[in-house]
């Protein structure tokens, strides 16, 4: 007995709003049968000793040690700014804000 019948293909086609001819229903039911056979074959593969993974090869994130360095002073940061006000960058007003 096939795993998927012609009536099931017709039902799926109806749900998908596909208008299929009788020949297409027969063809698709055969194709889906073959697909399900291949899925079953893949499912039968012995994977008990294979750990679950998200990638076929191990992924190692290479990270460097954090080294603390001196940052810029406010004066150094604002040194090349076109406009500044106090210890802040001065930018054009947007959206009519005060």
C-alpha atoms as a PDB file:
ATOM      1  CA  UNK A   1       0.000   0.000   0.000  1.00  0.00           C
ATOM      2  CA  UNK A   2       1.447   3.384  -0.944  1.00  0.00           C
ATOM      3  CA  UNK A   3       2.441   5.753   1.837  1.00  0.00           C
ATOM      4  CA  UNK A   4       0.541   8.583   0.164  1.00  0.00           C
ATOM      5  CA  UNK A   5      -2.596   8.048  -1.863  1.00  0.00           C
ATOM      6  CA  UNK A   6      -3.906   9.900  -4.883  1.00  0.00           C
ATOM      7  CA  UNK A   7      -6.739  11.237  -2.721  1.00  0.00           C
ATOM      8  CA  UNK A   8      -4.247  12.668  -0.224  1.00  0.00           C
ATOM      9  CA  UNK A   9      -2.408  14.407  -3.062  1.00  0.00           C
ATOM     10  CA  UNK A  10      -5.720  15.800  -4.287  1.00  0.00           C
ATOM     11  CA  UNK A  11      -6.492  17.015  -0.759  1.00  0.00           C
ATOM     12  CA  UNK A  12      -3.086  18.689  -0.447  1.00  0.00           C
ATOM     13  CA  UNK A  13      -3.558  20.282  -3.868  1.00  0.00           C
ATOM     14  CA  UNK A  14      -6.952  21.601  -2.768  1.00  0.00           C
ATOM     15  CA  UNK A  15      -5.479  23.060   0.427  1.00  0.00           C
ATOM     16  CA  UNK A  16      -2.717  24.669  -1.645  1.00  0.00           C
ATOM     17  CA  UNK A  17      -5.301  25.980  -4.092  1.00  0.00           C
ATOM     18  CA  UNK A  18      -3.703  24.106  -6.983  1.00  0.00           C
ATOM     19  CA  UNK A  19      -5.827  22.870  -9.838  1.00  0.00           C
ATOM     20  CA  UNK A  20      -4.276  19.536 -10.857  1.00  0.00           C
ATOM     21  CA  UNK A  21      -5.360  17.255 -13.663  1.00  0.00           C
ATOM     22  CA  UNK A  22      -5.855  13.528 -13.127  1.00  0.00           C
ATOM     23  CA  UNK A  23      -2.518  12.863 -14.845  1.00  0.00           C
ATOM     24  CA  UNK A  24      -0.755  15.324 -12.553  1.00  0.00           C
ATOM     25  CA  UNK A  25      -2.340  13.733  -9.484  1.00  0.00           C
ATOM     26  CA  UNK A  26      -1.067  10.318 -10.560  1.00  0.00           C
ATOM     27  CA  UNK A  27       2.393  11.691 -11.362  1.00  0.00           C
ATOM     28  CA  UNK A  28       2.715  13.626  -8.103  1.00  0.00           C
ATOM     29  CA  UNK A  29       1.492  10.719  -5.989  1.00  0.00           C
ATOM     30  CA  UNK A  30       4.221   8.525  -7.544  1.00  0.00           C
ATOM     31  CA  UNK A  31       6.857  11.228  -7.023  1.00  0.00           C
ATOM     32  CA  UNK A  32       5.830  11.797  -3.423  1.00  0.00           C
ATOM     33  CA  UNK A  33       5.897   8.038  -2.844  1.00  0.00           C
ATOM     34  CA  UNK A  34       9.526   7.925  -4.035  1.00  0.00           C
ATOM     35  CA  UNK A  35      10.416  10.931  -1.865  1.00  0.00           C
ATOM     36  CA  UNK A  36       8.904   9.253   1.201  1.00  0.00           C
ATOM     37  CA  UNK A  37      10.843   6.047   0.434  1.00  0.00           C
ATOM     38  CA  UNK A  38      14.101   8.033   0.338  1.00  0.00           C
ATOM     39  CA  UNK A  39      13.232   9.800   3.598  1.00  0.00           C
ATOM     40  CA  UNK A  40      12.558   6.429   5.204  1.00  0.00           C
ATOM     41  CA  UNK A  41      15.928   5.139   3.939  1.00  0.00           C
ATOM     42  CA  UNK A  42      17.725   8.129   5.428  1.00  0.00           C
ATOM     43  CA  UNK A  43      15.834   7.667   8.693  1.00  0.00           C
ATOM     44  CA  UNK A  44      17.070   4.055   8.900  1.00  0.00           C
ATOM     45  CA  UNK A  45      20.728   5.124   8.997  1.00  0.00           C
ATOM     46  CA  UNK A  46      22.377   4.119  12.267  1.00  0.00           C
ATOM     47  CA  UNK A  47      23.044   7.376  14.074  1.00  0.00           C
ATOM     48  CA  UNK A  48      23.069   6.201  17.669  1.00  0.00           C
ATOM     49  CA  UNK A  49      26.795   6.894  18.052  1.00  0.00           C
ATOM     50  CA  UNK A  50      26.731  10.210  16.148  1.00  0.00           C
ATOM     51  CA  UNK A  51      26.364  13.247  18.402  1.00  0.00           C
ATOM     52  CA  UNK A  52      23.861  15.927  17.480  1.00  0.00           C
ATOM     53  CA  UNK A  53      25.525  18.954  15.938  1.00  0.00           C
ATOM     54  CA  UNK A  54      24.638  22.130  14.131  1.00  0.00           C
ATOM     55  CA  UNK A  55      27.618  21.957  11.743  1.00  0.00           C
ATOM     56  CA  UNK A  56      29.436  19.031  10.111  1.00  0.00           C
ATOM     57  CA  UNK A  57      32.805  20.267  11.359  1.00  0.00           C
ATOM     58  CA  UNK A  58      33.717  21.589  14.798  1.00  0.00           C
ATOM     59  CA  UNK A  59      33.616  25.346  15.118  1.00  0.00           C
ATOM     60  CA  UNK A  60      36.182  27.014  17.311  1.00  0.00           C
ATOM     61  CA  UNK A  61      35.947  30.689  18.076  1.00  0.00           C
ATOM     62  CA  UNK A  62      39.422  32.170  18.190  1.00  0.00           C
ATOM     63  CA  UNK A  63      39.554  34.945  20.751  1.00  0.00           C
ATOM     64  CA  UNK A  64      42.370  37.132  21.906  1.00  0.00           C
ATOM     65  CA  UNK A  65      42.964  38.055  25.509  1.00  0.00           C
ATOM     66  CA  UNK A  66      41.348  41.275  26.645  1.00  0.00           C
ATOM     67  CA  UNK A  67      44.024  43.884  27.131  1.00  0.00           C
ATOM     68  CA  UNK A  68      43.091  47.055  28.898  1.00  0.00           C
ATOM     69  CA  UNK A  69      44.380  50.196  27.152  1.00  0.00           C
ATOM     70  CA  UNK A  70      43.964  53.856  27.867  1.00  0.00           C
ATOM     71  CA  UNK A  71      41.072  55.422  25.925  1.00  0.00           C
ATOM     72  CA  UNK A  72      40.795  58.911  24.519  1.00  0.00           C
ATOM     73  CA  UNK A  73      40.204  61.839  26.809  1.00  0.00           C
ATOM     74  CA  UNK A  74      37.194  64.015  25.976  1.00  0.00           C
ATOM     75  CA  UNK A  75      39.542  66.680  24.606  1.00  0.00           C
ATOM     76  CA  UNK A  76      41.280  64.149  22.337  1.00  0.00           C
ATOM     77  CA  UNK A  77      37.946  62.765  21.102  1.00  0.00           C
ATOM     78  CA  UNK A  78      36.625  66.245  20.267  1.00  0.00           C
ATOM     79  CA  UNK A  79      39.911  67.479  18.796  1.00  0.00           C
ATOM     80  CA  UNK A  80      38.884  66.955  15.143  1.00  0.00           C
ATOM     81  CA  UNK A  81      35.122  67.488  15.578  1.00  0.00           C
ATOM     82  CA  UNK A  82      33.682  70.270  13.387  1.00  0.00           C
ATOM     83  CA  UNK A  83      31.543  71.544  16.291  1.00  0.00           C
ATOM     84  CA  UNK A  84      31.518  70.747  19.965  1.00  0.00           C
ATOM     85  CA  UNK A  85      29.816  72.082  23.053  1.00  0.00           C
ATOM     86  CA  UNK A  86      31.364  71.294  26.391  1.00  0.00           C
ATOM     87  CA  UNK A  87      32.392  67.626  26.370  1.00  0.00           C
ATOM     88  CA  UNK A  88      29.925  66.668  23.594  1.00  0.00           C
ATOM     89  CA  UNK A  89      29.730  66.668  19.817  1.00  0.00           C
ATOM     90  CA  UNK A  90      27.417  69.366  18.506  1.00  0.00           C
ATOM     91  CA  UNK A  91      25.180  68.205  15.643  1.00  0.00           C
ATOM     92  CA  UNK A  92      22.396  69.914  13.687  1.00  0.00           C
ATOM     93  CA  UNK A  93      18.944  69.876  15.283  1.00  0.00           C
ATOM     94  CA  UNK A  94      16.573  67.216  13.926  1.00  0.00           C
ATOM     95  CA  UNK A  95      12.826  66.692  14.108  1.00  0.00           C
ATOM     96  CA  UNK A  96      12.247  70.155  15.547  1.00  0.00           C
ATOM     97  CA  UNK A  97      13.455  69.163  19.003  1.00  0.00           C
ATOM     98  CA  UNK A  98      14.460  71.825  21.495  1.00  0.00           C
END
